[in-house]
Amino acid sequence: MWQKYLNFIRGLSVNRVGKIGVVLTTSSVICFIIFELAQLSGVIQNAYVGLITYMVFPVIFIIGLILIPFGWQMYRKQTGKTTRELLNRQFTEKEIKAREFGSKLYLTIGLFTMLNVVIISVASARMLGFMDQPVFCGTACHGVMEPEWVTFQQSPHARIKCVDCHVGEGVDALISSKLNGLRQMYLAMFNSYNRPVPTPVHQLRPARETCEKCHWPEKFLGSKLKNLVKFAKDEQSTPSYTTLVMKIDAHKDSGKGGIHWHIDPQNEVRYASVNDEREEMIWVEVRQPDGSFKRYENRRLSSASAAAEAVRTMDCVDCHNRATHVYEDPSDAVDNRIRNGLMDRNLPFIKREALAALDNNYPDKATGLQNIQRHLEGFYRKNYPQLSGTQSAAIDQAVETVQAIYRRNIFPQMNVGWNTYPNHIGHRGDKGCFRCHNVNMRDTDGANITNECTACHSILAEDAQHPFRNLLPPDEKDPEHDMQIYLQEEFLQSFLEEAPTPEKSEKP
């Protein structure tokens, strides 16, 4: 068996080109099988090994197959002999003698052709499967995709495949994504890609095809309590609380809607933005019950800058634009680590000094990490020398935590720094909701889109010392006495609107 195979291989290896083709084909198959078995058995678990196994070896195999007939053709031209004469020279009469189902040589060629088809099919299937994995998307072009890969792994959607949102279903989506991938590969090869990666991603699949496979607008009911803790930059890093009751309904029996009113199937909102960047709105239209659209125009824009290039129907990602690749605000990042106990609040000025260490434009990541350590350790060594000795473990943990914040959010090689990418959810750091909900967006009667705070959330506390400050008995001497009463009444009214009543219970 092996002798027949070796004789066949020698027959194909008529010159140097043919020999190279045989070596490439044979070695790539052997390596593919070895690496595949190693990965299936768990001996090797490395993304770059998968990249070599499913991207490099199949290509080498195909190149080898192409070289074999190419070498044979070169040999035929060099000798000036016919194919039949060359076959007689390379193979025995017994191997090329015609039979009922073909000669042994042609049967062997047919068998190897079928085997090659099987190998290519298996390798292609495994390659496509590997290319659908997040590890491929994040590590194949490590320098380019490092920011997205790092933030993806720590996001609420870390168990969702990239292709589920960025590609979607269907042959058209697959072909489009592969063509786009070729363009990106070209940009990466010639180091001509954008730094940072531009947003928004205009070719992202529609949210109703992706997000709504898991998130149902019809199931967005009631309200959700959200508690935020902020720490001051004083010596004690004093906490303050903001407590909100988020009205997440898409639709209410009263006719009102909460935050997800915008994507209720009964409603339709469309808009045009300056340069199609979804930052500055030119106009917003809302479909009315009779099917017409009511338009609100941005009175602040001049007619020259208000030329609409594209009209977009609002969906999930217009607010949840960083649902997966979430970059943190530095102050929020430090607050969250202190709240979770990763940084000891008993360290004097820990919030202030952590921010000071982070808020620098370091030239590269290594320099940034070194300077963070130098800043924090130096501050406590200089100003609290005794504490620097007794609380060294807490200081070391604080250094590691601040460095982790830096690693997670800052990527100098891609020009990604603090607040490089705006986050449209809410309105704490960026415009967010106020892109549309502002006094400049007015209809023909001069009425603006509501920017009333309580339209989206009841406010139980705002930067207060008590997390439910507005539910406490009002103090008449408090200058915010009237506002506290108003917010109390608004919360109770909203609560009663959601409470079950006999009329609601009788509905099928």
Foldseek 3Di string as FASTA:
>chain_A
DVVVVVLLLQLLPPDPLQVQLVCLQVVLVVVLVVLVVCVVVPVDDDLVSLCCNLPPSLVSNVSSVVSSVVVVVVVCVVVVDDPVVSCVVSDPCQQQPADPVGGVSVVVVVVVVVVNVVVSVVSNVSNVVSCQAQSCVCPVLPQQRVLVSLLQCVFPCVVPTPCLWAQADDPVSVVVVVVVVVVVVVCSVVVNAAQNHDDDPPNTDDCCRHVCVPDPLQPQDDWDKDKDWAFDQAFLSAIFIWIWTFQRHCAAPVGAGAPNVLVPPVKKKKFFAQVNRLAATQKMWIQDPVRDIFMWGQQVDDPVRSDGPDMGIDDDCSQQVPNRSDADAQRRLVRVCVVVVLAPSNRTSLSVQLVVLQPDDDQALVRSLVSLLCSQLVVCCVPPVVCCVVVVVNSVSSSVSSSVSCSNFDGNSSPTGRPPDDRQHDPDPGCRVVSQQDQRGATPVSDGRHPDPPSGIQIQGDRHSDNRNLCDPADPVDPCRVVSVVSNVSVVVSVVSSDDDPVNVPDD
